């Protein structure tokens, strides 16, 4: 584990450099398509929406964790594409990045579709299950929600 400082980045699509966009998308494909063996349209068109924010942690010039926040209808924030690079796992980076994302979401309700084996992680951050488990791209998921007035406050 590197002891180099982590840097948090937050950007809209238009603020991403070509190199950063490449590195973010490569990491997403490496984790979600290759590692998890899910052939699905990783580029879903939502990255470029005006309300989307990309958050990532960087160490030594390398992206080590990432997520995006989408602006869903009705003022709801949707967190997705949460990942940690394989070499940087088990260092608390997903929790740190999720905490930063929830601070940006502030007083808005927030939803996500958690991979079922990670539901406890999201529950620890104030999310609750909102429906039955479903399978997406061969992976069980749970719909979850965190309301501003919830028990996490």
N, C-alpha and C. Protein backbone atom coordinates (compact mmCIF):
# COMPACT_ATOMS: atom_id res chain seq x y z
N UNK A 1 0.85 -1.18 0.00
CA UNK A 1 0.00 0.00 0.00
C UNK A 1 0.89 1.24 0.00
N UNK A 2 0.61 2.12 -0.93
CA UNK A 2 1.37 3.36 -1.02
C UNK A 2 0.95 4.32 0.09
N UNK A 3 1.91 5.05 0.60
CA UNK A 3 1.59 6.06 1.61
C UNK A 3 1.45 7.45 1.00
N UNK A 4 1.52 7.51 -0.32
CA UNK A 4 1.36 8.80 -1.01
C UNK A 4 -0.03 9.35 -0.75
N UNK A 5 -0.13 10.66 -0.75
CA UNK A 5 -1.40 11.32 -0.48
C UNK A 5 -2.41 11.04 -1.58
N UNK A 6 -3.65 10.92 -1.17
CA UNK A 6 -4.76 10.80 -2.11
C UNK A 6 -5.25 12.18 -2.48
N UNK A 7 -5.63 12.35 -3.73
CA UNK A 7 -6.23 13.60 -4.18
C UNK A 7 -7.63 13.30 -4.68
N UNK A 8 -8.61 14.06 -4.17
CA UNK A 8 -9.98 13.94 -4.63
C UNK A 8 -10.20 14.87 -5.81
N UNK A 9 -10.89 14.37 -6.83
CA UNK A 9 -11.26 15.17 -7.99
C UNK A 9 -12.76 15.07 -8.19
N UNK A 10 -13.37 16.18 -8.57
CA UNK A 10 -14.79 16.23 -8.91
C UNK A 10 -14.89 17.04 -10.20
N UNK A 11 -15.57 16.47 -11.20
CA UNK A 11 -15.66 17.19 -12.47
C UNK A 11 -16.91 16.81 -13.23
N UNK A 12 -17.42 17.77 -13.99
CA UNK A 12 -18.44 17.50 -15.00
C UNK A 12 -17.71 16.94 -16.22
N UNK A 13 -18.45 16.36 -17.14
CA UNK A 13 -17.85 15.76 -18.32
C UNK A 13 -16.96 16.73 -19.09
N UNK A 14 -17.45 17.94 -19.31
CA UNK A 14 -16.71 18.92 -20.09
C UNK A 14 -15.42 19.40 -19.42
N UNK A 15 -15.26 19.11 -18.15
CA UNK A 15 -14.05 19.51 -17.42
C UNK A 15 -12.98 18.42 -17.42
N UNK A 16 -13.32 17.24 -17.95
CA UNK A 16 -12.35 16.14 -17.97
C UNK A 16 -11.39 16.30 -19.13
N UNK A 17 -10.10 16.11 -18.87
CA UNK A 17 -9.14 16.10 -19.97
C UNK A 17 -9.32 14.79 -20.74
N UNK A 18 -8.82 14.77 -21.96
CA UNK A 18 -8.91 13.54 -22.76
C UNK A 18 -8.21 12.39 -22.05
N UNK A 19 -7.07 12.65 -21.44
CA UNK A 19 -6.32 11.60 -20.73
C UNK A 19 -7.09 11.08 -19.53
N UNK A 20 -7.67 11.99 -18.75
CA UNK A 20 -8.43 11.57 -17.58
C UNK A 20 -9.65 10.76 -18.00
N UNK A 21 -10.37 11.23 -19.01
CA UNK A 21 -11.52 10.48 -19.50
C UNK A 21 -11.10 9.07 -19.92
N UNK A 22 -10.03 8.97 -20.67
CA UNK A 22 -9.52 7.67 -21.09
C UNK A 22 -9.24 6.78 -19.88
N UNK A 23 -8.53 7.32 -18.89
CA UNK A 23 -8.15 6.53 -17.72
C UNK A 23 -9.37 6.10 -16.90
N UNK A 24 -10.36 6.99 -16.76
CA UNK A 24 -11.58 6.63 -16.03
C UNK A 24 -12.33 5.52 -16.74
N UNK A 25 -12.51 5.70 -18.05
CA UNK A 25 -13.26 4.68 -18.80
C UNK A 25 -12.52 3.36 -18.87
N UNK A 26 -11.21 3.41 -18.99
CA UNK A 26 -10.42 2.17 -19.02
C UNK A 26 -10.60 1.41 -17.71
N UNK A 27 -10.52 2.11 -16.58
CA UNK A 27 -10.68 1.46 -15.29
C UNK A 27 -12.09 0.89 -15.15
N UNK A 28 -13.09 1.63 -15.57
CA UNK A 28 -14.47 1.12 -15.50
C UNK A 28 -14.61 -0.15 -16.34
N UNK A 29 -14.09 -0.15 -17.56
CA UNK A 29 -14.17 -1.34 -18.41
C UNK A 29 -13.36 -2.48 -17.79
N UNK A 30 -12.17 -2.19 -17.29
CA UNK A 30 -11.35 -3.25 -16.67
C UNK A 30 -12.09 -3.94 -15.53
N UNK A 31 -12.81 -3.16 -14.70
CA UNK A 31 -13.50 -3.73 -13.55
C UNK A 31 -14.84 -4.33 -13.94
N UNK A 32 -15.70 -3.54 -14.57
CA UNK A 32 -17.08 -3.99 -14.78
C UNK A 32 -17.25 -4.94 -15.96
N UNK A 33 -16.49 -4.76 -17.02
CA UNK A 33 -16.65 -5.61 -18.20
C UNK A 33 -15.70 -6.80 -18.15
N UNK A 34 -14.43 -6.56 -17.89
CA UNK A 34 -13.44 -7.63 -17.93
C UNK A 34 -13.44 -8.44 -16.63
N UNK A 35 -13.16 -7.79 -15.49
CA UNK A 35 -13.07 -8.52 -14.22
C UNK A 35 -14.38 -9.21 -13.86
N UNK A 36 -15.50 -8.49 -14.00
CA UNK A 36 -16.79 -9.07 -13.61
C UNK A 36 -17.45 -9.84 -14.76
N UNK A 37 -16.76 -9.91 -15.90
CA UNK A 37 -17.21 -10.68 -17.05
C UNK A 37 -18.64 -10.33 -17.46
N UNK A 38 -18.91 -9.04 -17.60
CA UNK A 38 -20.23 -8.55 -17.99
C UNK A 38 -20.12 -7.79 -19.30
N UNK A 39 -20.60 -8.40 -20.35
CA UNK A 39 -20.64 -7.70 -21.63
C UNK A 39 -21.90 -6.84 -21.65
N UNK A 40 -21.73 -5.55 -21.42
CA UNK A 40 -22.86 -4.63 -21.40
C UNK A 40 -22.38 -3.27 -21.90
N UNK A 41 -23.32 -2.39 -22.26
CA UNK A 41 -22.91 -1.08 -22.79
C UNK A 41 -22.41 -0.15 -21.67
N UNK A 42 -21.14 -0.22 -21.38
CA UNK A 42 -20.55 0.63 -20.34
C UNK A 42 -20.77 2.11 -20.64
N UNK A 43 -20.68 2.48 -21.89
CA UNK A 43 -20.92 3.87 -22.28
C UNK A 43 -22.41 4.01 -22.54
N UNK A 44 -23.15 4.45 -21.52
CA UNK A 44 -24.61 4.49 -21.58
C UNK A 44 -25.17 5.87 -21.92
N UNK A 45 -24.31 6.84 -22.18
CA UNK A 45 -24.76 8.18 -22.52
C UNK A 45 -24.97 9.11 -21.34
N UNK A 46 -24.96 8.58 -20.12
CA UNK A 46 -25.24 9.41 -18.95
C UNK A 46 -24.02 10.18 -18.45
N UNK A 47 -22.83 9.75 -18.85
CA UNK A 47 -21.61 10.46 -18.42
C UNK A 47 -21.59 11.91 -18.87
N UNK A 48 -22.22 12.19 -19.98
CA UNK A 48 -22.15 13.53 -20.59
C UNK A 48 -23.30 14.44 -20.19
N UNK A 49 -24.26 13.92 -19.43
CA UNK A 49 -25.41 14.74 -19.03
C UNK A 49 -24.95 15.91 -18.16
N UNK A 50 -25.61 17.08 -18.30
CA UNK A 50 -25.17 18.27 -17.56
C UNK A 50 -25.10 18.09 -16.04
N UNK A 51 -25.99 17.30 -15.45
CA UNK A 51 -25.99 17.14 -14.00
C UNK A 51 -25.05 16.08 -13.46
N UNK A 52 -24.38 15.36 -14.34
CA UNK A 52 -23.49 14.28 -13.89
C UNK A 52 -22.18 14.83 -13.34
N UNK A 53 -21.76 14.26 -12.23
CA UNK A 53 -20.46 14.60 -11.64
C UNK A 53 -19.65 13.31 -11.52
N UNK A 54 -18.40 13.41 -11.93
CA UNK A 54 -17.46 12.29 -11.83
C UNK A 54 -16.56 12.57 -10.64
N UNK A 55 -16.42 11.60 -9.75
CA UNK A 55 -15.55 11.74 -8.58
C UNK A 55 -14.52 10.63 -8.63
N UNK A 56 -13.28 10.98 -8.36
CA UNK A 56 -12.26 9.95 -8.30
C UNK A 56 -11.16 10.34 -7.34
N UNK A 57 -10.52 9.31 -6.84
CA UNK A 57 -9.34 9.48 -5.99
C UNK A 57 -8.13 9.08 -6.81
N UNK A 58 -7.09 9.88 -6.67
CA UNK A 58 -5.86 9.65 -7.42
C UNK A 58 -4.70 9.56 -6.44
N UNK A 59 -3.81 8.63 -6.69
CA UNK A 59 -2.59 8.49 -5.89
C UNK A 59 -1.43 8.27 -6.85
N UNK A 60 -0.38 9.03 -6.69
CA UNK A 60 0.80 8.90 -7.56
C UNK A 60 0.44 9.00 -9.04
N UNK A 61 -0.55 9.85 -9.38
CA UNK A 61 -0.94 10.03 -10.76
C UNK A 61 -1.86 8.96 -11.32
N UNK A 62 -2.22 7.96 -10.51
CA UNK A 62 -3.08 6.88 -10.98
C UNK A 62 -4.45 6.97 -10.30
N UNK A 63 -5.49 6.70 -11.05
CA UNK A 63 -6.84 6.67 -10.48
C UNK A 63 -7.00 5.37 -9.70
N UNK A 64 -7.38 5.51 -8.43
CA UNK A 64 -7.51 4.32 -7.57
C UNK A 64 -8.95 4.03 -7.16
N UNK A 65 -9.85 5.00 -7.32
CA UNK A 65 -11.26 4.78 -6.99
C UNK A 65 -12.09 5.78 -7.79
N UNK A 66 -13.33 5.39 -8.10
CA UNK A 66 -14.18 6.22 -8.95
C UNK A 66 -15.65 5.95 -8.63
N UNK A 67 -16.46 6.97 -8.83
CA UNK A 67 -17.91 6.83 -8.90
C UNK A 67 -18.46 8.02 -9.65
N UNK A 68 -19.72 7.90 -10.07
CA UNK A 68 -20.37 9.04 -10.70
C UNK A 68 -21.69 9.29 -10.00
N UNK A 69 -22.09 10.56 -10.02
CA UNK A 69 -23.38 10.97 -9.48
C UNK A 69 -24.21 11.49 -10.65
N UNK A 70 -25.38 10.90 -10.84
CA UNK A 70 -26.29 11.32 -11.89
C UNK A 70 -27.43 12.12 -11.28
N UNK A 71 -28.00 13.00 -12.07
CA UNK A 71 -29.17 13.77 -11.65
C UNK A 71 -30.41 13.10 -12.23
N UNK A 72 -31.09 12.32 -11.41
CA UNK A 72 -32.32 11.66 -11.84
C UNK A 72 -33.50 12.62 -11.70
N UNK A 73 -34.62 12.32 -12.32
CA UNK A 73 -35.80 13.19 -12.21
C UNK A 73 -36.24 13.37 -10.76
N UNK A 74 -36.88 14.51 -10.50
CA UNK A 74 -37.43 14.78 -9.18
C UNK A 74 -36.40 15.19 -8.14
N UNK A 75 -35.23 15.63 -8.58
CA UNK A 75 -34.21 16.08 -7.65
C UNK A 75 -33.48 14.96 -6.92
N UNK A 76 -33.59 13.74 -7.44
CA UNK A 76 -32.94 12.59 -6.82
C UNK A 76 -31.55 12.41 -7.43
N UNK A 77 -30.57 12.17 -6.58
CA UNK A 77 -29.21 11.87 -7.04
C UNK A 77 -29.07 10.35 -7.15
N UNK A 78 -28.39 9.89 -8.18
CA UNK A 78 -28.15 8.45 -8.35
C UNK A 78 -26.65 8.21 -8.40
N UNK A 79 -26.18 7.41 -7.48
CA UNK A 79 -24.76 7.05 -7.45
C UNK A 79 -24.58 5.73 -8.19
N UNK A 80 -23.55 5.68 -9.00
CA UNK A 80 -23.28 4.46 -9.74
C UNK A 80 -21.83 4.35 -10.15
N UNK A 81 -21.52 3.21 -10.75
CA UNK A 81 -20.18 2.90 -11.25
C UNK A 81 -19.13 3.01 -10.14
N UNK A 82 -19.51 2.63 -8.94
CA UNK A 82 -18.58 2.70 -7.80
C UNK A 82 -17.54 1.59 -7.96
N UNK A 83 -16.27 1.97 -7.94
CA UNK A 83 -15.23 0.96 -8.07
C UNK A 83 -13.94 1.40 -7.39
N UNK A 84 -13.13 0.41 -7.07
CA UNK A 84 -11.78 0.63 -6.59
C UNK A 84 -10.86 -0.24 -7.45
N UNK A 85 -9.75 0.32 -7.89
CA UNK A 85 -8.80 -0.44 -8.69
C UNK A 85 -8.33 -1.66 -7.90
N UNK A 86 -8.16 -2.79 -8.56
CA UNK A 86 -7.79 -4.02 -7.84
C UNK A 86 -6.59 -3.87 -6.90
N UNK A 87 -5.57 -3.16 -7.31
CA UNK A 87 -4.37 -3.02 -6.48
C UNK A 87 -4.58 -2.11 -5.27
N UNK A 88 -5.70 -1.38 -5.24
CA UNK A 88 -5.95 -0.41 -4.16
C UNK A 88 -7.09 -0.84 -3.24
N UNK A 89 -7.56 -2.05 -3.38
CA UNK A 89 -8.70 -2.50 -2.57
C UNK A 89 -8.29 -2.77 -1.13
N UNK A 90 -9.30 -2.78 -0.27
CA UNK A 90 -9.15 -3.05 1.17
C UNK A 90 -8.35 -1.96 1.89
N UNK A 91 -8.49 -0.72 1.39
CA UNK A 91 -7.84 0.43 2.01
C UNK A 91 -8.85 1.49 2.44
N UNK A 92 -10.14 1.17 2.35
CA UNK A 92 -11.17 2.12 2.74
C UNK A 92 -11.48 3.18 1.70
N UNK A 93 -11.00 2.99 0.49
CA UNK A 93 -11.16 4.04 -0.53
C UNK A 93 -12.61 4.18 -1.00
N UNK A 94 -13.33 3.09 -1.12
CA UNK A 94 -14.73 3.18 -1.55
C UNK A 94 -15.53 3.97 -0.52
N UNK A 95 -15.30 3.71 0.76
CA UNK A 95 -16.00 4.45 1.81
C UNK A 95 -15.65 5.92 1.80
N UNK A 96 -14.39 6.21 1.60
CA UNK A 96 -13.97 7.62 1.55
C UNK A 96 -14.63 8.34 0.38
N UNK A 97 -14.62 7.70 -0.78
CA UNK A 97 -15.20 8.34 -1.96
C UNK A 97 -16.72 8.47 -1.82
N UNK A 98 -17.38 7.45 -1.26
CA UNK A 98 -18.83 7.54 -1.06
C UNK A 98 -19.18 8.66 -0.08
N UNK A 99 -18.39 8.81 0.96
CA UNK A 99 -18.62 9.90 1.92
C UNK A 99 -18.51 11.25 1.22
N UNK A 100 -17.52 11.41 0.36
CA UNK A 100 -17.37 12.66 -0.40
C UNK A 100 -18.58 12.88 -1.31
N UNK A 101 -19.04 11.82 -1.96
CA UNK A 101 -20.19 11.94 -2.86
C UNK A 101 -21.44 12.34 -2.09
N UNK A 102 -21.65 11.74 -0.93
CA UNK A 102 -22.84 12.06 -0.14
C UNK A 102 -22.79 13.49 0.37
N UNK A 103 -21.61 14.02 0.63
CA UNK A 103 -21.49 15.42 1.02
C UNK A 103 -21.88 16.33 -0.15
N UNK A 104 -21.56 15.94 -1.37
CA UNK A 104 -21.95 16.72 -2.55
C UNK A 104 -23.45 16.65 -2.80
N UNK A 105 -24.02 15.49 -2.55
CA UNK A 105 -25.46 15.29 -2.74
C UNK A 105 -26.23 16.14 -1.74
N UNK A 106 -25.68 16.30 -0.55
CA UNK A 106 -26.19 17.14 0.52
C UNK A 106 -27.60 16.74 0.92
N UNK A 107 -28.56 17.60 0.72
CA UNK A 107 -29.92 17.39 1.22
C UNK A 107 -30.84 16.70 0.23
N UNK A 108 -30.30 16.18 -0.86
CA UNK A 108 -31.15 15.48 -1.83
C UNK A 108 -31.25 13.99 -1.48
N UNK A 109 -32.39 13.38 -1.78
CA UNK A 109 -32.45 11.92 -1.66
C UNK A 109 -31.48 11.30 -2.66
N UNK A 110 -30.98 10.14 -2.35
CA UNK A 110 -29.97 9.49 -3.17
C UNK A 110 -30.35 8.02 -3.34
N UNK A 111 -30.25 7.52 -4.56
CA UNK A 111 -30.55 6.12 -4.83
C UNK A 111 -29.36 5.46 -5.51
N UNK A 112 -29.35 4.14 -5.46
CA UNK A 112 -28.35 3.35 -6.18
C UNK A 112 -28.84 1.92 -6.29
N UNK A 113 -28.25 1.18 -7.20
CA UNK A 113 -28.49 -0.24 -7.33
C UNK A 113 -27.20 -0.93 -6.91
N UNK A 114 -27.21 -1.48 -5.69
CA UNK A 114 -26.00 -2.08 -5.12
C UNK A 114 -25.86 -3.53 -5.56
N UNK A 115 -24.66 -3.93 -5.90
CA UNK A 115 -24.44 -5.36 -6.03
C UNK A 115 -24.75 -5.96 -4.66
N UNK A 116 -25.55 -7.01 -4.65
CA UNK A 116 -26.11 -7.54 -3.39
C UNK A 116 -25.04 -7.85 -2.35
N UNK A 117 -23.91 -8.35 -2.76
CA UNK A 117 -22.87 -8.69 -1.77
C UNK A 117 -22.26 -7.44 -1.12
N UNK A 118 -22.56 -6.25 -1.66
CA UNK A 118 -22.06 -5.00 -1.10
C UNK A 118 -23.14 -4.20 -0.37
N UNK A 119 -24.33 -4.77 -0.22
CA UNK A 119 -25.44 -4.04 0.39
C UNK A 119 -25.10 -3.59 1.81
N UNK A 120 -24.40 -4.40 2.58
CA UNK A 120 -24.02 -4.03 3.95
C UNK A 120 -23.15 -2.78 3.98
N UNK A 121 -22.26 -2.66 3.02
CA UNK A 121 -21.41 -1.47 2.90
C UNK A 121 -22.28 -0.23 2.73
N UNK A 122 -23.27 -0.30 1.84
CA UNK A 122 -24.14 0.85 1.61
C UNK A 122 -25.07 1.11 2.80
N UNK A 123 -25.53 0.06 3.44
CA UNK A 123 -26.35 0.24 4.65
C UNK A 123 -25.57 1.00 5.72
N UNK A 124 -24.28 0.72 5.82
CA UNK A 124 -23.44 1.41 6.81
C UNK A 124 -23.33 2.90 6.50
N UNK A 125 -23.65 3.29 5.27
CA UNK A 125 -23.63 4.70 4.87
C UNK A 125 -25.03 5.29 4.82
N UNK A 126 -26.00 4.63 5.45
CA UNK A 126 -27.34 5.18 5.58
C UNK A 126 -28.34 4.78 4.52
N UNK A 127 -27.97 3.90 3.62
CA UNK A 127 -28.91 3.44 2.59
C UNK A 127 -29.77 2.31 3.14
N UNK A 128 -31.01 2.24 2.65
CA UNK A 128 -31.91 1.14 3.01
C UNK A 128 -32.43 0.49 1.74
N UNK A 129 -32.76 -0.78 1.83
CA UNK A 129 -33.31 -1.52 0.69
C UNK A 129 -34.68 -0.94 0.35
N UNK A 130 -34.96 -0.82 -0.94
CA UNK A 130 -36.26 -0.28 -1.36
C UNK A 130 -37.05 -1.24 -2.23
N UNK A 131 -36.55 -2.41 -2.46
CA UNK A 131 -37.26 -3.37 -3.30
C UNK A 131 -36.56 -4.70 -3.29
N UNK A 132 -37.11 -5.65 -4.02
CA UNK A 132 -36.54 -6.99 -4.06
C UNK A 132 -35.25 -7.04 -4.88
N UNK A 133 -34.46 -8.04 -4.59
CA UNK A 133 -33.24 -8.28 -5.35
C UNK A 133 -33.61 -8.55 -6.81
N UNK A 134 -32.77 -8.07 -7.72
CA UNK A 134 -32.95 -8.33 -9.15
C UNK A 134 -31.58 -8.65 -9.75
N UNK A 135 -31.58 -9.30 -10.88
CA UNK A 135 -30.34 -9.66 -11.55
C UNK A 135 -30.14 -8.74 -12.75
N UNK A 136 -28.98 -8.10 -12.78
CA UNK A 136 -28.62 -7.24 -13.91
C UNK A 136 -27.26 -7.69 -14.41
N UNK A 137 -27.18 -8.00 -15.69
CA UNK A 137 -25.93 -8.46 -16.30
C UNK A 137 -25.35 -9.65 -15.55
N UNK A 138 -26.23 -10.52 -15.05
CA UNK A 138 -25.79 -11.75 -14.39
C UNK A 138 -25.38 -11.56 -12.94
N UNK A 139 -25.53 -10.36 -12.39
CA UNK A 139 -25.10 -10.06 -11.01
C UNK A 139 -26.31 -9.63 -10.20
N UNK A 140 -26.55 -10.27 -9.02
CA UNK A 140 -27.66 -9.85 -8.16
C UNK A 140 -27.43 -8.44 -7.61
N UNK A 141 -28.48 -7.63 -7.65
CA UNK A 141 -28.45 -6.24 -7.17
C UNK A 141 -29.64 -5.99 -6.25
N UNK A 142 -29.52 -4.97 -5.42
CA UNK A 142 -30.61 -4.49 -4.57
C UNK A 142 -30.80 -3.00 -4.80
N UNK A 143 -32.04 -2.56 -5.04
CA UNK A 143 -32.27 -1.11 -5.12
C UNK A 143 -32.22 -0.54 -3.70
N UNK A 144 -31.55 0.59 -3.54
CA UNK A 144 -31.38 1.20 -2.22
C UNK A 144 -31.59 2.71 -2.31
N UNK A 145 -31.90 3.30 -1.15
CA UNK A 145 -32.15 4.74 -1.09
C UNK A 145 -31.65 5.29 0.23
N UNK A 146 -31.21 6.53 0.18
CA UNK A 146 -30.78 7.26 1.38
C UNK A 146 -31.50 8.61 1.35
N UNK A 147 -32.32 8.86 2.36
CA UNK A 147 -33.05 10.12 2.43
C UNK A 147 -32.32 11.09 3.34
N UNK A 148 -32.41 12.39 3.05
CA UNK A 148 -31.69 13.38 3.86
C UNK A 148 -32.06 13.33 5.32
N UNK A 149 -33.30 13.01 5.65
CA UNK A 149 -33.71 13.00 7.05
C UNK A 149 -33.53 11.63 7.69
N UNK A 150 -32.81 10.74 7.05
CA UNK A 150 -32.64 9.37 7.55
C UNK A 150 -31.76 9.28 8.78
N UNK A 151 -31.53 8.05 9.27
CA UNK A 151 -30.80 7.81 10.51
C UNK A 151 -29.31 8.13 10.44
N UNK A 152 -28.79 8.38 9.24
CA UNK A 152 -27.36 8.69 9.10
C UNK A 152 -27.02 10.08 9.60
N UNK A 153 -27.99 10.91 9.81
CA UNK A 153 -27.74 12.30 10.23
C UNK A 153 -27.43 12.38 11.70
